[in-house]
C-alpha cells in the first residue's frame, strides 16, 4: 500500500532527518525589572532608576534591555477616576515619545549602543488612549509600536474590590500583533494579560517572531477568585514557557513588582529559551537586571522540526478560533 504524502515523516523519529544548521545570531539581552513606583513619584525619578539599570547593562555589554508594562508610572488602573479628576488621570499618559522626561533614556541608550523596549500609557494627538509598548533600536530610532490587545478587568467602578482593575475604562484595545525586523531577527511584543492567551504567541510566531518581549503588572491577589492567589507565580511562568516552546521562540517577561500603593505585585521576571526552559531570572521584587546570551538561530531547532508550521499546521480546521468568541457545547449551550 502506498502511504499518503508525508505519512512516512515522523517528527519524533530519527528517520525524520536533520534540519540545516543555521548561522549563529547571538544577542545579549536583559530583563530590567522595576520595583514599586509611588503614585506621586516623578517621571524624572523613575527615568533615573531606569538609567541605573541601563548603565549596568552597558557595563555588561547587553544589546537589548526590556522594561515592564507602564514603566513610567504607578499602575493607575487600580483607581477609579471621574469628573474633575480626569485631568489628574491625563498626567499618567505620555503625549509624545520621547518627551522631555524620557529623552535622557533615549540619549544614553544611543551612546551605549543599547536598544530597549518600553511600556507606557499613550495619549495620541486625536485623543486615543492605549497601553503601549515600543521597540527602540541601538541607534535610538523607534522601530516598532504595539497596543495591548487583551485588556483585562472591568470598565465600571466595582466597590466590592479591594482595588480596581480598570484597564477597560482607561485604554482602548489594540487590533494587531505586528512583528518587526530588528536586533538581527524578528521581534514581537505583548503586554501582561496578552501572555495568558495562546493566540498571542501563535499570531506573533506566524509573523515570524523569534523573540517576544512581554512587560507585566500582576497583583498577587486575584479578586474574582482568591483560590488562584497561590498559583499566580506558577501561572505567570507556565504561560510564557509554553508559549516559547510551542512557537519555537525566546520570550522575555519583565515585571513591575513589589508592594506598590498597597497592592502586592508579582515579580519573577525571566528569560525563556525556545526549549521552554528559563535561562535567566531575578532574585528580588525590586529594581534588578538579569541578562543572558541567546542565539536566535536556535529557534530553527524547533520551527524547522517539531513545530514546522507550513508542514504540520491545519488552518482549515481551526475556523472556530476566529469565528466564535465564547465556548458553545454540542447541545448549543453557550458557556461565555
Protein backbone atom coordinates (compact mmCIF):
# COMPACT_ATOMS: atom_id res chain seq x y z
CA UNK A 1 0.00 0.00 0.00
CA UNK A 2 1.35 3.42 -0.94
CA UNK A 3 1.29 5.76 2.05
CA UNK A 4 -0.29 9.21 1.68
CA UNK A 5 2.08 12.16 1.23
CA UNK A 6 4.26 12.82 4.29
CA UNK A 7 2.87 9.82 6.16
CA UNK A 8 6.38 8.41 6.50
CA UNK A 9 7.64 11.62 8.11
CA UNK A 10 7.58 11.32 11.87
CA UNK A 11 8.84 14.49 13.58
CA UNK A 12 9.65 12.48 16.70
CA UNK A 13 11.73 9.92 14.82
CA UNK A 14 15.41 9.99 13.89
CA UNK A 15 14.23 8.99 10.42
CA UNK A 16 12.76 12.46 10.02
CA UNK A 17 16.24 13.72 9.17
CA UNK A 18 18.19 16.70 10.41
CA UNK A 19 17.37 20.28 9.50
CA UNK A 20 20.00 22.56 8.05
CA UNK A 21 22.14 24.17 10.76
CA UNK A 22 21.64 27.96 10.51
CA UNK A 23 24.28 30.63 11.00
CA UNK A 24 24.57 31.74 14.63
CA UNK A 25 22.84 35.04 15.52
CA UNK A 26 23.94 35.88 19.06
CA UNK A 27 22.28 38.59 21.15
CA UNK A 28 22.88 39.59 24.77
CA UNK A 29 19.51 40.52 26.22
CA UNK A 30 18.37 41.74 29.63
CA UNK A 31 15.17 41.92 31.64
CA UNK A 32 15.09 45.22 33.56
CA UNK A 33 12.62 44.61 36.37
CA UNK A 34 11.30 47.64 38.23
CA UNK A 35 10.21 47.74 41.83
CA UNK A 36 7.21 49.72 43.10
CA UNK A 37 6.53 53.21 41.76
CA UNK A 38 4.58 55.52 44.07
CA UNK A 39 1.63 57.48 42.73
CA UNK A 40 3.43 60.79 43.13
CA UNK A 41 6.91 59.67 42.05
CA UNK A 42 8.07 61.93 39.23
CA UNK A 43 8.98 60.81 35.71
CA UNK A 44 12.48 62.17 36.32
CA UNK A 45 12.89 59.92 39.36
CA UNK A 46 11.62 56.85 37.51
CA UNK A 47 13.82 57.50 34.47
CA UNK A 48 16.84 57.89 36.77
CA UNK A 49 16.10 54.44 38.16
CA UNK A 50 15.82 53.09 34.63
CA UNK A 51 19.13 54.71 33.73
CA UNK A 52 20.86 52.92 36.61
CA UNK A 53 19.72 49.61 35.14
CA UNK A 54 20.78 50.77 31.68
CA UNK A 55 24.26 51.64 32.95
CA UNK A 56 24.56 48.17 34.47
CA UNK A 57 23.51 46.74 31.12
CA UNK A 58 26.20 48.81 29.42
CA UNK A 59 28.91 47.56 31.77
CA UNK A 60 27.90 44.01 30.88
CA UNK A 61 27.72 44.62 27.12
CA UNK A 62 23.97 43.99 26.88
CA UNK A 63 22.48 44.84 23.47
CA UNK A 64 18.74 44.89 24.27
CA UNK A 65 17.07 45.85 27.56
CA UNK A 66 13.38 45.12 28.20
CA UNK A 67 11.45 47.29 30.69
CA UNK A 68 7.98 46.45 32.12
CA UNK A 69 4.41 47.43 31.28
CA UNK A 70 3.55 51.03 32.27
CA UNK A 71 7.16 51.56 33.33
CA UNK A 72 6.97 55.31 33.84
CA UNK A 73 4.14 55.50 36.39
CA UNK A 74 2.39 53.64 39.12
CA UNK A 75 -0.24 51.16 37.89
CA UNK A 76 -3.03 53.75 37.85
CA UNK A 77 -5.90 51.48 36.63
CA UNK A 78 -6.22 50.37 40.25
CA UNK A 79 -8.06 53.66 40.95
CA UNK A 80 -11.49 54.84 39.81
CA UNK A 81 -11.25 58.40 38.46
CA UNK A 82 -14.11 60.57 37.22
CA UNK A 83 -15.22 64.18 36.78
CA UNK A 84 -12.67 66.85 37.56
CA UNK A 85 -10.11 64.19 38.38
CA UNK A 86 -9.83 63.43 34.64
CA UNK A 87 -7.03 65.99 34.48
CA UNK A 88 -5.17 64.02 37.13
CA UNK A 89 -5.74 60.90 35.05
CA UNK A 90 -4.19 62.57 32.00
CA UNK A 91 -0.98 63.05 33.95
CA UNK A 92 -0.32 59.32 33.75
CA UNK A 93 -0.22 59.32 29.93
CA UNK A 94 2.60 60.22 27.54
CA UNK A 95 1.63 62.56 24.70
CA UNK A 96 4.97 62.19 22.93
CA UNK A 97 7.80 59.69 22.88
CA UNK A 98 10.45 60.57 23.58
CA UNK A 99 9.34 63.54 25.64
CA UNK A 100 11.37 65.87 27.83
CA UNK A 101 11.48 63.41 30.73
CA UNK A 102 12.29 60.32 28.66
CA UNK A 103 14.77 61.91 26.24
CA UNK A 104 17.70 61.20 28.62
CA UNK A 105 16.91 57.48 28.41
CA UNK A 106 16.96 57.57 24.62
CA UNK A 107 20.15 59.63 24.56
CA UNK A 108 22.09 57.44 26.97
CA UNK A 109 20.92 54.21 25.34
CA UNK A 110 22.14 55.51 21.99
CA UNK A 111 25.51 56.48 23.49
CA UNK A 112 25.88 52.98 24.93
CA UNK A 113 24.66 51.29 21.75
CA UNK A 114 21.83 49.57 23.60
CA UNK A 115 18.31 49.08 22.30
CA UNK A 116 15.31 48.80 24.59
CA UNK A 117 11.62 48.01 24.86
CA UNK A 118 9.44 50.29 26.96
CA UNK A 119 5.84 50.07 28.13
CA UNK A 120 3.81 53.20 28.90
CA UNK A 121 0.34 54.77 28.77
CA UNK A 122 -0.11 56.64 25.48
CA UNK A 123 -2.50 59.52 24.73
CA UNK A 124 -2.48 60.16 20.98
CA UNK A 125 -2.99 63.60 19.37
CA UNK A 126 -6.50 62.56 18.33
CA UNK A 127 -7.47 61.50 21.84
CA UNK A 128 -6.99 57.74 21.77
CA UNK A 129 -5.58 56.03 24.84
CA UNK A 130 -3.53 52.85 24.65
CA UNK A 131 -1.45 50.59 26.84
CA UNK A 132 1.57 50.84 24.57
CA UNK A 133 4.95 49.20 24.15
CA UNK A 134 7.68 50.44 21.83
CA UNK A 135 10.85 48.85 20.48
CA UNK A 136 13.88 51.12 20.16
CA UNK A 137 16.94 50.11 18.14
CA UNK A 138 20.53 50.70 19.18
CA UNK A 139 20.69 53.92 17.16
CA UNK A 140 17.82 55.41 19.19
CA UNK A 141 15.16 55.02 16.49
CA UNK A 142 11.71 53.67 17.34
CA UNK A 143 11.31 50.65 15.07
CA UNK A 144 8.11 49.17 16.48
CA UNK A 145 4.97 50.01 18.42
CA UNK A 146 2.35 47.70 19.92
CA UNK A 147 -1.01 48.39 21.58
CA UNK A 148 -2.18 45.85 24.17
CA UNK A 149 -4.90 43.63 22.69
CA UNK A 150 -6.30 41.66 25.64
CA UNK A 151 -7.42 44.29 28.15
CA UNK A 152 -8.36 42.64 31.47
CA UNK A 153 -10.54 43.80 34.31
CA UNK A 154 -13.68 45.90 34.09
CA UNK A 155 -14.97 49.30 32.95
CA UNK A 156 -17.25 50.49 35.75
CA UNK A 157 -16.41 51.05 39.40
CA UNK A 158 -16.79 47.87 41.47
CA UNK A 159 -16.74 48.96 45.13
CA UNK A 160 -16.56 45.39 46.46
CA UNK A 161 -12.97 45.12 45.22
CA UNK A 162 -10.03 45.88 47.49
CA UNK A 163 -8.56 47.70 44.49
CA UNK A 164 -9.88 48.33 40.99
CA UNK A 165 -8.64 46.92 37.67
CA UNK A 166 -9.96 49.48 35.19
CA UNK A 167 -7.86 48.94 32.09
CA UNK A 168 -11.06 48.61 30.06
CA UNK A 169 -12.03 52.10 31.21
CA UNK A 170 -8.72 53.84 30.67
CA UNK A 171 -7.47 52.16 27.48
CA UNK A 172 -8.70 51.12 24.06
CA UNK A 173 -7.68 47.65 22.85
CA UNK A 174 -5.15 47.16 20.09
CA UNK A 175 -6.14 45.30 16.94
CA UNK A 176 -2.99 43.59 15.70
CA UNK A 177 0.10 41.62 16.67
CA UNK A 178 2.78 43.22 14.48
CA UNK A 179 6.33 41.91 14.21
CA UNK A 180 9.48 43.85 13.41
CA UNK A 181 12.84 43.04 11.85
CA UNK A 182 15.36 44.25 14.42
CA UNK A 183 18.31 43.09 16.52
CA UNK A 184 19.31 40.53 13.90
CA UNK A 185 15.97 38.74 13.92
CA UNK A 186 12.21 39.18 14.07
CA UNK A 187 10.77 40.68 17.26
CA UNK A 188 7.21 40.80 18.58
CA UNK A 189 5.74 42.42 21.67
CA UNK A 190 2.90 41.63 24.07
CA UNK A 191 1.70 43.10 27.34
CA UNK A 192 0.65 41.48 30.62
CA UNK A 193 -2.72 39.75 30.09
CA UNK A 194 -1.75 39.05 26.46
CA UNK A 195 0.67 36.44 27.79
CA UNK A 196 -2.21 34.32 29.11
CA UNK A 197 -3.71 33.79 25.64
CA UNK A 198 -2.15 31.23 23.31
CA UNK A 199 -3.38 33.22 20.31
CA UNK A 200 -0.90 35.96 21.21
CA UNK A 201 2.16 33.78 20.74
CA UNK A 202 0.81 31.98 17.68
CA UNK A 203 -0.11 35.21 15.87
CA UNK A 204 3.35 36.62 16.58
CA UNK A 205 5.03 33.36 15.53
CA UNK A 206 3.06 33.36 12.28
CA UNK A 207 4.57 36.81 11.74
CA UNK A 208 8.00 35.22 12.06
CA UNK A 209 8.71 36.25 15.66
CA UNK A 210 11.83 34.69 17.14
CA UNK A 211 11.82 36.90 20.22
CA UNK A 212 8.72 38.04 22.13
CA UNK A 213 9.05 40.84 24.68
CA UNK A 214 6.42 40.98 27.44
CA UNK A 215 6.01 43.54 30.23
CA UNK A 216 3.54 42.99 33.06
CA UNK A 217 1.99 44.32 36.29
CA UNK A 218 0.31 41.38 38.01
CA UNK A 219 -1.21 41.56 41.51
CA UNK A 220 -0.61 38.54 43.70
CA UNK A 221 -4.26 38.81 44.75
CA UNK A 222 -6.89 37.91 42.13
CA UNK A 223 -10.14 39.42 43.41
CA UNK A 224 -12.69 37.43 41.32
CA UNK A 225 -11.30 34.10 42.59
CA UNK A 226 -8.87 34.26 45.54
CA UNK A 227 -8.31 30.49 45.29
CA UNK A 228 -5.97 31.33 42.39
CA UNK A 229 -3.73 33.54 44.55
CA UNK A 230 -1.21 30.79 45.44
CA UNK A 231 -0.92 29.92 41.75
CA UNK A 232 -0.20 33.39 40.38
CA UNK A 233 3.55 32.82 40.10
CA UNK A 234 3.12 29.33 38.66
CA UNK A 235 0.64 30.53 36.04
CA UNK A 236 2.83 33.50 35.15
CA UNK A 237 5.72 31.30 34.09
CA UNK A 238 3.57 28.44 32.79
CA UNK A 239 2.01 30.54 30.03
CA UNK A 240 5.29 32.13 28.95
CA UNK A 241 7.24 28.87 28.97
CA UNK A 242 4.58 27.03 26.99
CA UNK A 243 4.29 29.97 24.57
CA UNK A 244 8.04 29.89 23.96
CA UNK A 245 8.17 26.13 23.41
CA UNK A 246 5.06 25.75 21.25
CA UNK A 247 6.21 28.54 18.95
CA UNK A 248 9.95 27.92 18.91
CA UNK A 249 10.91 31.38 20.15
CA UNK A 250 12.54 33.23 23.01
CA UNK A 251 10.27 35.03 25.49
CA UNK A 252 11.34 37.80 27.87
CA UNK A 253 8.87 38.51 30.69
CA UNK A 254 9.52 41.62 32.77
CA UNK A 255 7.60 42.74 35.86
CA UNK A 256 6.98 45.83 37.88
CA UNK A 257 6.82 44.03 41.20
CA UNK A 258 6.63 44.53 44.93
CA UNK A 259 4.26 46.42 47.22
CA UNK A 260 3.02 49.42 45.22
CA UNK A 261 0.40 51.74 46.73
CA UNK A 262 -0.90 48.94 48.94
CA UNK A 263 -1.04 46.31 46.18
CA UNK A 264 1.46 43.45 46.30
CA UNK A 265 2.52 42.57 42.76
CA UNK A 266 4.32 39.61 41.31
CA UNK A 267 7.96 39.97 40.28
CA UNK A 268 9.60 36.80 38.88
CA UNK A 269 10.95 38.39 35.69
CA UNK A 270 12.68 35.84 33.48
CA UNK A 271 14.08 34.99 30.06
CA UNK A 272 12.89 31.77 28.41
CA UNK A 273 14.50 29.78 25.59
CA UNK A 274 12.67 28.02 22.72
CA UNK A 275 13.08 24.84 24.75
CA UNK A 276 10.64 26.30 27.27
CA UNK A 277 13.42 26.46 29.87
CA UNK A 278 14.13 29.54 31.97
CA UNK A 279 17.68 30.65 31.19
CA UNK A 280 17.80 33.79 33.37
CA UNK A 281 15.65 35.16 36.19
CA UNK A 282 15.64 37.68 39.02
CA UNK A 283 16.02 37.15 42.76
CA UNK A 284 14.20 40.19 44.20
CA UNK A 285 10.99 42.18 43.82
CA UNK A 286 12.82 45.46 43.25
CA UNK A 287 14.83 47.17 40.54
CA UNK A 288 17.01 44.39 39.16
CA UNK A 289 18.72 43.46 35.92
CA UNK A 290 19.19 39.90 34.71
CA UNK A 291 20.77 39.08 31.37
CA UNK A 292 21.84 36.16 29.21
CA UNK A 293 23.40 35.41 25.85
CA UNK A 294 20.89 33.96 23.41
CA UNK A 295 21.19 32.76 19.82
CA UNK A 296 18.20 33.50 17.61
CA UNK A 297 19.35 30.74 15.24
CA UNK A 298 18.34 28.20 17.90
CA UNK A 299 14.69 28.92 17.10
CA UNK A 300 15.10 26.90 13.90
CA UNK A 301 15.74 23.78 16.00
CA UNK A 302 12.01 23.87 16.69
CA UNK A 303 10.44 25.86 13.85
CA UNK A 304 12.10 23.63 11.26
CA UNK A 305 11.34 20.33 13.00
CA UNK A 306 8.62 19.64 15.56
CA UNK A 307 6.84 22.97 15.04
CA UNK A 308 7.32 23.41 11.30
CA UNK A 309 4.16 25.43 10.76
CA UNK A 310 3.88 25.21 6.98
CA UNK A 311 4.22 21.41 7.15
CA UNK A 312 2.06 20.47 10.11
CA UNK A 313 -0.47 23.22 10.83
CA UNK A 314 -4.10 22.65 9.71
CA UNK A 315 -5.66 26.13 9.46
CA UNK A 316 -8.59 24.72 7.50
CA UNK A 317 -9.85 23.07 10.69
CA UNK A 318 -9.15 25.98 13.05
CA UNK A 319 -12.04 28.18 11.88
CA UNK A 320 -13.78 28.09 15.25
CA UNK A 321 -10.91 30.07 16.79
CA UNK A 322 -11.76 33.20 14.80
CA UNK A 323 -15.46 32.67 14.05
CA UNK A 324 -16.54 32.04 17.64
CA UNK A 325 -15.80 34.03 20.80
CA UNK A 326 -17.28 32.11 23.73
CA UNK A 327 -17.48 28.35 24.24
CA UNK A 328 -20.55 26.52 22.88
CA UNK A 329 -21.28 22.94 23.91
CA UNK A 330 -22.53 20.25 21.46
CA UNK A 331 -26.07 20.90 22.72
CA UNK A 332 -25.76 24.53 21.67
CA UNK A 333 -25.49 25.87 25.20
CA UNK A 334 -23.28 28.93 25.49
CA UNK A 335 -20.50 28.99 28.07
CA UNK A 336 -19.37 32.62 27.82
